[in-house]
Amino acid sequence: MMKYNKLFALLAGRGMKKTDLLPVISAPTLAKLSKGETTTTDVLCKICDFLDCQPADIMEYEK
């Protein structure tokens, strides 16, 4: 299972809120990430481009 806690920690560390992602992803997609649900690689690329980071900076795999 993929966890996105690192994404939300990164946002907080930059003084940002989850809603700051809304220019690049939809509200339903943001809700899915908040619940730890799956998303597409396209969404992950958009987030990484927006935050200028790598996928490993925003997610981790948990068995």
Protein backbone atom coordinates (compact mmCIF):
# COMPACT_ATOMS: atom_id res chain seq x y z
CA MET A 1 0.00 0.00 0.00
CA MET A 2 1.26 3.47 -0.84
CA LYS A 3 1.25 6.07 1.91
CA TYR A 4 1.27 9.80 1.21
CA ASN A 5 2.15 11.05 4.70
CA LYS A 6 5.46 12.33 3.32
CA LEU A 7 3.54 14.57 0.90
CA PHE A 8 1.57 16.20 3.68
CA ALA A 9 4.69 16.56 5.85
CA LEU A 10 6.49 18.20 2.92
CA LEU A 11 3.62 20.63 2.45
CA ALA A 12 3.59 21.49 6.15
CA GLY A 13 7.35 21.97 6.14
CA ARG A 14 6.94 24.52 3.36
CA GLY A 15 4.13 26.32 5.16
CA MET A 16 1.58 25.03 2.66
CA LYS A 17 -1.83 23.40 3.06
CA LYS A 18 -3.32 20.46 1.18
CA THR A 19 -5.55 22.88 -0.68
CA ASP A 20 -2.47 24.53 -2.19
CA LEU A 21 -2.35 21.49 -4.50
CA LEU A 22 -5.73 22.33 -6.05
CA PRO A 23 -4.23 24.27 -8.98
CA VAL A 24 -2.64 21.01 -10.21
CA ILE A 25 -4.96 18.22 -9.00
CA SER A 26 -8.70 18.00 -8.49
CA ALA A 27 -10.45 18.08 -5.12
CA PRO A 28 -11.60 14.44 -5.46
CA THR A 29 -8.02 13.37 -6.20
CA LEU A 30 -6.77 15.29 -3.17
CA ALA A 31 -9.41 13.55 -1.06
CA LYS A 32 -8.22 10.15 -2.36
CA LEU A 33 -4.63 10.97 -1.42
CA SER A 34 -5.75 12.08 2.04
CA LYS A 35 -7.44 8.69 2.50
CA GLY A 36 -4.39 6.80 1.21
CA GLU A 37 -6.22 5.59 -1.88
CA THR A 38 -4.51 4.89 -5.19
CA THR A 39 -3.82 7.49 -7.82
CA THR A 40 -2.20 7.64 -11.25
CA THR A 41 1.41 8.30 -12.08
CA ASP A 42 0.21 11.37 -13.99
CA VAL A 43 -1.10 12.86 -10.74
CA LEU A 44 2.15 12.05 -8.96
CA CYS A 45 4.13 13.73 -11.77
CA LYS A 46 1.96 16.85 -11.53
CA ILE A 47 2.54 17.04 -7.78
CA CYS A 48 6.29 16.50 -8.16
CA ASP A 49 6.50 19.18 -10.86
CA PHE A 50 4.52 21.60 -8.71
CA LEU A 51 6.61 20.97 -5.59
CA ASP A 52 9.91 20.45 -7.46
CA CYS A 53 10.54 17.12 -5.76
CA GLN A 54 10.90 13.40 -6.48
CA PRO A 55 8.23 10.69 -5.96
CA ALA A 56 10.15 9.29 -2.99
CA ASP A 57 9.76 12.69 -1.33
CA ILE A 58 5.96 12.42 -1.32
CA MET A 59 5.14 8.74 -0.91
CA GLU A 60 6.35 5.48 0.53
CA TYR A 61 5.44 1.83 0.14
CA GLU A 62 4.14 -0.01 3.19
CA LYS A 63 3.56 -3.76 3.25
